[in-house]
Amino acid sequence: MTKIFRVGGMECEGCAKSVERAVRAAVPDAEVTVDLAGGLVTVDEAAEQVVAAAITEAGFEFLGLE
């Protein structure tokens, strides 16, 4: 099941890459897509808590699910 996470603090391409790397490390088998302009991260087959923790640990704000 695909989940869309809202992320605060992604302001540049480097930020988006940091979030993508963190989420991929937390859920290596999932497909991860980052939408910088929308402040969204789409992840297939991942637990909300795992992705939220990865976003927070990368220094960004988890704002809930879309």
N, C-alpha and C. Protein backbone atom coordinates (compact mmCIF):
# COMPACT_ATOMS: atom_id res chain seq x y z
N MET A 1 0.83 -1.17 0.00
CA MET A 1 0.00 0.00 0.00
C MET A 1 0.88 1.24 0.00
N THR A 2 0.61 2.17 -0.88
CA THR A 2 1.37 3.41 -0.99
C THR A 2 0.89 4.42 0.04
N LYS A 3 1.84 5.07 0.70
CA LYS A 3 1.53 6.12 1.67
C LYS A 3 2.26 7.38 1.26
N ILE A 4 1.60 8.52 1.47
CA ILE A 4 2.20 9.81 1.16
C ILE A 4 2.39 10.57 2.47
N PHE A 5 3.63 10.95 2.72
CA PHE A 5 4.02 11.63 3.96
C PHE A 5 4.29 13.09 3.68
N ARG A 6 3.78 13.97 4.53
CA ARG A 6 4.07 15.40 4.42
C ARG A 6 5.31 15.70 5.25
N VAL A 7 6.24 16.47 4.66
CA VAL A 7 7.51 16.75 5.30
C VAL A 7 7.73 18.26 5.37
N GLY A 8 8.08 18.75 6.54
CA GLY A 8 8.40 20.15 6.72
C GLY A 8 9.90 20.37 6.70
N GLY A 9 10.33 21.49 6.13
CA GLY A 9 11.74 21.84 6.15
C GLY A 9 12.52 21.48 4.91
N MET A 10 11.89 20.83 3.94
CA MET A 10 12.58 20.53 2.68
C MET A 10 12.54 21.78 1.81
N GLU A 11 13.66 22.47 1.71
CA GLU A 11 13.67 23.74 0.98
C GLU A 11 14.56 23.74 -0.25
N CYS A 12 15.34 22.69 -0.44
CA CYS A 12 16.22 22.65 -1.60
C CYS A 12 16.40 21.20 -2.07
N GLU A 13 17.05 21.04 -3.19
CA GLU A 13 17.28 19.71 -3.74
C GLU A 13 18.13 18.86 -2.80
N GLY A 14 19.07 19.50 -2.10
CA GLY A 14 19.89 18.78 -1.14
C GLY A 14 19.06 18.22 0.01
N CYS A 15 18.09 19.01 0.45
CA CYS A 15 17.17 18.55 1.52
C CYS A 15 16.39 17.33 1.04
N ALA A 16 15.87 17.42 -0.18
CA ALA A 16 15.09 16.32 -0.73
C ALA A 16 15.94 15.06 -0.83
N LYS A 17 17.19 15.20 -1.23
CA LYS A 17 18.09 14.04 -1.33
C LYS A 17 18.36 13.45 0.06
N SER A 18 18.50 14.31 1.06
CA SER A 18 18.73 13.83 2.43
C SER A 18 17.54 13.02 2.93
N VAL A 19 16.34 13.52 2.68
CA VAL A 19 15.14 12.80 3.09
C VAL A 19 15.05 11.48 2.34
N GLU A 20 15.30 11.51 1.05
CA GLU A 20 15.23 10.28 0.25
C GLU A 20 16.22 9.23 0.77
N ARG A 21 17.45 9.65 1.03
CA ARG A 21 18.47 8.71 1.54
C ARG A 21 18.05 8.12 2.88
N ALA A 22 17.52 8.96 3.76
CA ALA A 22 17.12 8.50 5.09
C ALA A 22 15.99 7.48 5.01
N VAL A 23 15.00 7.77 4.16
CA VAL A 23 13.86 6.86 4.04
C VAL A 23 14.30 5.56 3.37
N ARG A 24 15.13 5.66 2.34
CA ARG A 24 15.63 4.43 1.68
C ARG A 24 16.44 3.56 2.64
N ALA A 25 17.20 4.19 3.51
CA ALA A 25 17.98 3.42 4.50
C ALA A 25 17.06 2.72 5.49
N ALA A 26 15.95 3.37 5.85
CA ALA A 26 15.02 2.79 6.81
C ALA A 26 14.17 1.68 6.22
N VAL A 27 13.81 1.82 4.94
CA VAL A 27 12.99 0.82 4.25
C VAL A 27 13.61 0.54 2.88
N PRO A 28 14.71 -0.23 2.87
CA PRO A 28 15.49 -0.43 1.64
C PRO A 28 14.75 -1.10 0.49
N ASP A 29 13.72 -1.86 0.77
CA ASP A 29 13.01 -2.56 -0.31
C ASP A 29 11.84 -1.76 -0.88
N ALA A 30 11.57 -0.60 -0.31
CA ALA A 30 10.43 0.20 -0.75
C ALA A 30 10.82 1.14 -1.89
N GLU A 31 9.84 1.49 -2.70
CA GLU A 31 10.02 2.51 -3.72
C GLU A 31 9.74 3.86 -3.06
N VAL A 32 10.69 4.79 -3.21
CA VAL A 32 10.59 6.10 -2.56
C VAL A 32 10.63 7.19 -3.61
N THR A 33 9.68 8.13 -3.55
CA THR A 33 9.65 9.27 -4.45
C THR A 33 9.48 10.53 -3.62
N VAL A 34 10.33 11.53 -3.88
CA VAL A 34 10.26 12.78 -3.14
C VAL A 34 9.77 13.89 -4.07
N ASP A 35 8.79 14.65 -3.60
CA ASP A 35 8.25 15.81 -4.32
C ASP A 35 8.65 17.05 -3.52
N LEU A 36 9.75 17.68 -3.92
CA LEU A 36 10.26 18.83 -3.20
C LEU A 36 9.25 19.97 -3.16
N ALA A 37 8.68 20.31 -4.29
CA ALA A 37 7.74 21.43 -4.38
C ALA A 37 6.52 21.22 -3.49
N GLY A 38 6.05 19.99 -3.43
CA GLY A 38 4.87 19.69 -2.62
C GLY A 38 5.18 19.35 -1.18
N GLY A 39 6.45 19.13 -0.87
CA GLY A 39 6.84 18.74 0.47
C GLY A 39 6.34 17.35 0.83
N LEU A 40 6.36 16.45 -0.16
CA LEU A 40 5.81 15.11 0.03
C LEU A 40 6.82 14.03 -0.26
N VAL A 41 6.67 12.92 0.44
CA VAL A 41 7.45 11.70 0.18
C VAL A 41 6.45 10.57 0.02
N THR A 42 6.52 9.88 -1.10
CA THR A 42 5.66 8.74 -1.37
C THR A 42 6.48 7.47 -1.17
N VAL A 43 5.93 6.55 -0.37
CA VAL A 43 6.64 5.31 -0.05
C VAL A 43 5.68 4.14 -0.20
N ASP A 44 6.13 3.11 -0.92
CA ASP A 44 5.35 1.89 -1.07
C ASP A 44 5.72 0.92 0.05
N GLU A 45 4.72 0.29 0.62
CA GLU A 45 4.93 -0.82 1.56
C GLU A 45 5.84 -0.47 2.72
N ALA A 46 5.49 0.57 3.49
CA ALA A 46 6.31 0.92 4.65
C ALA A 46 5.42 1.32 5.81
N ALA A 47 5.90 1.02 7.01
CA ALA A 47 5.17 1.39 8.22
C ALA A 47 5.33 2.88 8.47
N GLU A 48 4.23 3.52 8.84
CA GLU A 48 4.24 4.96 9.08
C GLU A 48 5.29 5.35 10.12
N GLN A 49 5.39 4.61 11.20
CA GLN A 49 6.31 4.94 12.28
C GLN A 49 7.76 4.90 11.82
N VAL A 50 8.09 3.94 10.97
CA VAL A 50 9.46 3.79 10.48
C VAL A 50 9.84 4.98 9.61
N VAL A 51 8.96 5.35 8.69
CA VAL A 51 9.24 6.46 7.78
C VAL A 51 9.25 7.78 8.56
N ALA A 52 8.31 7.96 9.47
CA ALA A 52 8.27 9.18 10.28
C ALA A 52 9.56 9.34 11.08
N ALA A 53 10.06 8.26 11.65
CA ALA A 53 11.30 8.31 12.42
C ALA A 53 12.48 8.66 11.52
N ALA A 54 12.53 8.10 10.32
CA ALA A 54 13.62 8.39 9.38
C ALA A 54 13.61 9.86 8.98
N ILE A 55 12.44 10.41 8.73
CA ILE A 55 12.32 11.82 8.36
C ILE A 55 12.81 12.70 9.51
N THR A 56 12.37 12.40 10.71
CA THR A 56 12.75 13.19 11.89
C THR A 56 14.24 13.09 12.18
N GLU A 57 14.78 11.87 12.09
CA GLU A 57 16.20 11.67 12.36
C GLU A 57 17.08 12.36 11.33
N ALA A 58 16.55 12.58 10.13
CA ALA A 58 17.30 13.29 9.09
C ALA A 58 17.27 14.80 9.31
N GLY A 59 16.51 15.25 10.31
CA GLY A 59 16.48 16.66 10.64
C GLY A 59 15.31 17.43 10.06
N PHE A 60 14.29 16.71 9.61
CA PHE A 60 13.12 17.35 9.03
C PHE A 60 11.90 17.04 9.88
N GLU A 61 10.81 17.71 9.57
CA GLU A 61 9.59 17.57 10.37
C GLU A 61 8.58 16.68 9.67
N PHE A 62 8.14 15.64 10.37
CA PHE A 62 7.07 14.78 9.85
C PHE A 62 5.75 15.47 10.18
N LEU A 63 4.97 15.79 9.15
CA LEU A 63 3.72 16.54 9.31
C LEU A 63 2.48 15.69 9.14
N GLY A 64 2.65 14.38 9.10
CA GLY A 64 1.50 13.48 8.98
C GLY A 64 1.36 12.92 7.59
N LEU A 65 0.30 12.17 7.43
CA LEU A 65 0.01 11.56 6.13
C LEU A 65 -0.87 12.47 5.28
N GLU A 66 -0.68 12.39 4.00
CA GLU A 66 -1.48 13.16 3.05
C GLU A 66 -2.83 12.52 2.90
